[in-house]
């Protein structure tokens, strides 16, 4: 599939989401309005910046918003650089609901 066809499909989906939202419909596609470019990979510079911010205590979500990446992409980049990932706040790994 060509790049122009992919972007055309994305634009069509975005237009559909906007039109649906303006008519009051709830749509799973509305998340496209806040879409982050997903075809871009993190460069070494992006990863080193993300690592510095993460070591300062910033979350993967905050770093992703700042650099324009999905939080999971940020975490994958941090792991590839050997940065230890903190556990998610509010989660106790030793307790189980039952």
C-alpha atoms as a PDB file:
ATOM      1  CA  UNK A   1       0.000   0.000   0.000  1.00  0.00           C
ATOM      2  CA  UNK A   2       1.407   3.383  -0.923  1.00  0.00           C
ATOM      3  CA  UNK A   3       2.032   6.139   1.608  1.00  0.00           C
ATOM      4  CA  UNK A   4      -0.445   8.495  -0.089  1.00  0.00           C
ATOM      5  CA  UNK A   5      -3.133   5.822   0.185  1.00  0.00           C
ATOM      6  CA  UNK A   6      -2.417   5.351   3.911  1.00  0.00           C
ATOM      7  CA  UNK A   7      -2.564   9.080   4.614  1.00  0.00           C
ATOM      8  CA  UNK A   8      -5.691   9.373   2.500  1.00  0.00           C
ATOM      9  CA  UNK A   9      -7.399   6.618   4.523  1.00  0.00           C
ATOM     10  CA  UNK A  10      -6.278   8.286   7.754  1.00  0.00           C
ATOM     11  CA  UNK A  11      -7.638  11.659   6.603  1.00  0.00           C
ATOM     12  CA  UNK A  12     -10.943  10.052   5.616  1.00  0.00           C
ATOM     13  CA  UNK A  13     -11.209   8.397   9.043  1.00  0.00           C
ATOM     14  CA  UNK A  14     -10.387  11.667  10.749  1.00  0.00           C
ATOM     15  CA  UNK A  15     -13.043  13.532   8.769  1.00  0.00           C
ATOM     16  CA  UNK A  16     -15.586  10.824   9.619  1.00  0.00           C
ATOM     17  CA  UNK A  17     -14.694  11.105  13.319  1.00  0.00           C
ATOM     18  CA  UNK A  18     -15.070  14.885  13.305  1.00  0.00           C
ATOM     19  CA  UNK A  19     -18.411  14.714  11.485  1.00  0.00           C
ATOM     20  CA  UNK A  20     -19.699  11.998  13.838  1.00  0.00           C
ATOM     21  CA  UNK A  21     -18.643  13.982  16.881  1.00  0.00           C
ATOM     22  CA  UNK A  22     -20.357  17.107  15.582  1.00  0.00           C
ATOM     23  CA  UNK A  23     -23.609  15.124  15.232  1.00  0.00           C
ATOM     24  CA  UNK A  24     -23.352  13.994  18.858  1.00  0.00           C
ATOM     25  CA  UNK A  25     -22.434  10.374  18.132  1.00  0.00           C
ATOM     26  CA  UNK A  26     -19.926   8.643  20.307  1.00  0.00           C
ATOM     27  CA  UNK A  27     -17.265   6.996  18.220  1.00  0.00           C
ATOM     28  CA  UNK A  28     -14.239   4.822  18.837  1.00  0.00           C
ATOM     29  CA  UNK A  29     -12.588   6.737  16.003  1.00  0.00           C
ATOM     30  CA  UNK A  30     -12.712  10.010  17.915  1.00  0.00           C
ATOM     31  CA  UNK A  31      -9.353   9.080  19.427  1.00  0.00           C
ATOM     32  CA  UNK A  32      -7.868   9.945  16.025  1.00  0.00           C
ATOM     33  CA  UNK A  33      -8.300  13.609  16.956  1.00  0.00           C
ATOM     34  CA  UNK A  34      -5.527  13.216  19.533  1.00  0.00           C
ATOM     35  CA  UNK A  35      -3.469  10.876  17.368  1.00  0.00           C
ATOM     36  CA  UNK A  36       0.281  10.814  17.640  1.00  0.00           C
ATOM     37  CA  UNK A  37       2.308  10.049  14.551  1.00  0.00           C
ATOM     38  CA  UNK A  38       2.960   6.316  14.753  1.00  0.00           C
ATOM     39  CA  UNK A  39       5.273   5.713  11.814  1.00  0.00           C
ATOM     40  CA  UNK A  40       8.177   7.598  13.372  1.00  0.00           C
ATOM     41  CA  UNK A  41      10.803   5.732  15.378  1.00  0.00           C
ATOM     42  CA  UNK A  42      12.693   7.172  18.315  1.00  0.00           C
ATOM     43  CA  UNK A  43      16.163   8.331  17.350  1.00  0.00           C
ATOM     44  CA  UNK A  44      19.162   7.959  19.630  1.00  0.00           C
ATOM     45  CA  UNK A  45      18.766  11.639  20.562  1.00  0.00           C
ATOM     46  CA  UNK A  46      15.075  11.078  21.419  1.00  0.00           C
ATOM     47  CA  UNK A  47      15.969   8.071  23.568  1.00  0.00           C
ATOM     48  CA  UNK A  48      18.704   9.921  25.448  1.00  0.00           C
ATOM     49  CA  UNK A  49      16.355  12.871  26.055  1.00  0.00           C
ATOM     50  CA  UNK A  50      13.628  10.489  27.228  1.00  0.00           C
ATOM     51  CA  UNK A  51      16.096   8.700  29.525  1.00  0.00           C
ATOM     52  CA  UNK A  52      17.173  11.985  31.123  1.00  0.00           C
ATOM     53  CA  UNK A  53      13.559  13.058  31.669  1.00  0.00           C
ATOM     54  CA  UNK A  54      12.612   9.617  33.034  1.00  0.00           C
ATOM     55  CA  UNK A  55      15.525   9.681  35.489  1.00  0.00           C
ATOM     56  CA  UNK A  56      14.264  13.105  36.663  1.00  0.00           C
ATOM     57  CA  UNK A  57      10.977  11.422  37.570  1.00  0.00           C
ATOM     58  CA  UNK A  58       8.769  12.211  34.587  1.00  0.00           C
ATOM     59  CA  UNK A  59       6.260   9.590  33.482  1.00  0.00           C
ATOM     60  CA  UNK A  60       6.371   7.811  30.131  1.00  0.00           C
ATOM     61  CA  UNK A  61       3.078   9.533  29.232  1.00  0.00           C
ATOM     62  CA  UNK A  62       4.481  12.992  29.996  1.00  0.00           C
ATOM     63  CA  UNK A  63       7.647  12.235  28.028  1.00  0.00           C
ATOM     64  CA  UNK A  64       5.570  10.919  25.132  1.00  0.00           C
ATOM     65  CA  UNK A  65       3.489  14.098  25.022  1.00  0.00           C
ATOM     66  CA  UNK A  66       6.630  16.247  25.092  1.00  0.00           C
ATOM     67  CA  UNK A  67       8.468  14.307  22.373  1.00  0.00           C
ATOM     68  CA  UNK A  68       5.445  13.266  20.277  1.00  0.00           C
ATOM     69  CA  UNK A  69       5.480   9.522  20.926  1.00  0.00           C
ATOM     70  CA  UNK A  70       3.095   6.995  22.412  1.00  0.00           C
ATOM     71  CA  UNK A  71       3.990   6.133  26.048  1.00  0.00           C
ATOM     72  CA  UNK A  72       4.629   2.493  25.116  1.00  0.00           C
ATOM     73  CA  UNK A  73       7.102   3.607  22.442  1.00  0.00           C
ATOM     74  CA  UNK A  74       8.879   5.684  25.081  1.00  0.00           C
ATOM     75  CA  UNK A  75       9.065   2.687  27.431  1.00  0.00           C
ATOM     76  CA  UNK A  76      10.381   0.477  24.627  1.00  0.00           C
ATOM     77  CA  UNK A  77      13.060   3.059  23.838  1.00  0.00           C
ATOM     78  CA  UNK A  78      14.037   3.314  27.505  1.00  0.00           C
ATOM     79  CA  UNK A  79      14.292  -0.474  27.784  1.00  0.00           C
ATOM     80  CA  UNK A  80      16.485  -0.612  24.676  1.00  0.00           C
ATOM     81  CA  UNK A  81      18.825   1.895  26.347  1.00  0.00           C
ATOM     82  CA  UNK A  82      18.978  -0.227  29.504  1.00  0.00           C
ATOM     83  CA  UNK A  83      17.052   2.209  31.696  1.00  0.00           C
ATOM     84  CA  UNK A  84      15.294   0.400  34.588  1.00  0.00           C
ATOM     85  CA  UNK A  85      11.532   0.920  34.350  1.00  0.00           C
ATOM     86  CA  UNK A  86       9.703   1.969  37.523  1.00  0.00           C
ATOM     87  CA  UNK A  87       6.569   0.071  38.549  1.00  0.00           C
ATOM     88  CA  UNK A  88       3.314   1.871  37.860  1.00  0.00           C
ATOM     89  CA  UNK A  89       2.174   4.003  40.799  1.00  0.00           C
ATOM     90  CA  UNK A  90      -0.603   2.575  42.945  1.00  0.00           C
ATOM     91  CA  UNK A  91       0.077  -1.011  41.968  1.00  0.00           C
ATOM     92  CA  UNK A  92       1.222  -3.514  44.539  1.00  0.00           C
ATOM     93  CA  UNK A  93       2.650  -6.506  42.729  1.00  0.00           C
ATOM     94  CA  UNK A  94       2.490  -8.749  45.810  1.00  0.00           C
ATOM     95  CA  UNK A  95      -1.213  -8.407  46.595  1.00  0.00           C
ATOM     96  CA  UNK A  96      -3.945 -10.203  44.707  1.00  0.00           C
ATOM     97  CA  UNK A  97      -7.629  -9.625  44.700  1.00  0.00           C
ATOM     98  CA  UNK A  98      -9.510 -12.755  45.259  1.00  0.00           C
END
